[in-house]
Amino acid sequence: MSNEKSLSYTEALAELERIIKELESEEIDVDILTEKVKRADYLCKYCLSRLRKIEDEVQTIIKDIDQAQELDDF
């Protein structure tokens, strides 16, 4: 498992995909099922959070570009 502070979106998504495959295989040990589902829940929330943050950053950049273009038009 990756260090949570350095977990990238790509790593989180890959781990989530592995967990989903394990769950779909129906061969997962029942003793670790809850742990896997909790981890999958965390990873889903983490990925959504990262996507929202990136979306906000991109929107800010686009807004800055638009404002700079408006200044150039004067």
Protein backbone atom coordinates (compact mmCIF):
# COMPACT_ATOMS: atom_id res chain seq x y z
CA MET A 1 0.00 0.00 0.00
CA SER A 2 1.29 3.43 -0.94
CA ASN A 3 2.04 6.10 1.59
CA GLU A 4 -1.21 8.08 1.83
CA LYS A 5 0.53 11.45 1.57
CA SER A 6 2.17 10.53 -1.72
CA LEU A 7 -0.72 8.55 -3.21
CA SER A 8 -1.34 9.77 -6.73
CA TYR A 9 -4.66 9.66 -8.53
CA THR A 10 -3.26 7.03 -10.90
CA GLU A 11 -2.06 4.84 -8.03
CA ALA A 12 -5.37 5.18 -6.19
CA LEU A 13 -7.34 4.30 -9.30
CA ALA A 14 -5.13 1.28 -10.04
CA GLU A 15 -5.54 0.02 -6.47
CA LEU A 16 -9.29 0.55 -6.67
CA GLU A 17 -9.41 -1.44 -9.91
CA ARG A 18 -7.46 -4.30 -8.27
CA ILE A 19 -9.89 -4.36 -5.36
CA ILE A 20 -12.87 -4.39 -7.72
CA LYS A 21 -11.39 -7.36 -9.60
CA GLU A 22 -10.86 -9.19 -6.30
CA LEU A 23 -14.45 -8.52 -5.27
CA GLU A 24 -15.81 -9.57 -8.66
CA SER A 25 -13.85 -12.81 -8.59
CA GLU A 26 -15.88 -13.88 -5.56
CA GLU A 27 -12.77 -15.65 -4.27
CA ILE A 28 -11.97 -13.01 -1.69
CA ASP A 29 -11.50 -14.20 1.87
CA VAL A 30 -14.56 -13.24 3.88
CA ASP A 31 -12.32 -12.19 6.77
CA ILE A 32 -10.85 -9.34 4.72
CA LEU A 33 -13.97 -8.41 2.76
CA THR A 34 -14.89 -5.52 5.06
CA GLU A 35 -11.33 -4.19 4.94
CA LYS A 36 -11.34 -4.27 1.13
CA VAL A 37 -14.73 -2.54 0.88
CA LYS A 38 -13.62 0.18 3.33
CA ARG A 39 -10.42 0.71 1.33
CA ALA A 40 -12.41 0.89 -1.90
CA ASP A 41 -14.71 3.48 -0.33
CA TYR A 42 -11.70 5.54 0.76
CA LEU A 43 -10.11 5.31 -2.69
CA CYS A 44 -13.34 6.37 -4.42
CA LYS A 45 -13.62 9.41 -2.17
CA TYR A 46 -9.92 10.19 -2.64
CA CYS A 47 -10.18 10.02 -6.43
CA LEU A 48 -13.30 12.21 -6.47
CA SER A 49 -11.58 14.73 -4.24
CA ARG A 50 -8.51 14.84 -6.50
CA LEU A 51 -10.68 15.25 -9.59
CA ARG A 52 -12.61 18.12 -7.99
CA LYS A 53 -9.36 19.81 -6.96
CA ILE A 54 -7.93 19.46 -10.45
CA GLU A 55 -11.16 20.75 -11.99
CA ASP A 56 -11.01 23.82 -9.72
CA GLU A 57 -7.38 24.44 -10.66
CA VAL A 58 -8.10 24.14 -14.38
CA GLN A 59 -11.07 26.50 -14.09
CA THR A 60 -8.88 29.02 -12.29
CA ILE A 61 -6.25 28.79 -15.03
CA ILE A 62 -8.88 29.21 -17.75
CA LYS A 63 -10.32 32.23 -15.93
CA ASP A 64 -6.83 33.76 -15.69
CA ILE A 65 -6.27 33.18 -19.42
CA ASP A 66 -9.63 34.75 -20.25
CA GLN A 67 -8.82 37.78 -18.12
CA ALA A 68 -5.42 38.17 -19.76
CA GLN A 69 -7.03 37.99 -23.21
CA GLU A 70 -9.56 40.64 -22.20
CA LEU A 71 -6.68 42.94 -21.19
CA ASP A 72 -4.98 42.31 -24.54
CA ASP A 73 -8.18 43.30 -26.36
CA PHE A 74 -8.00 46.84 -24.93
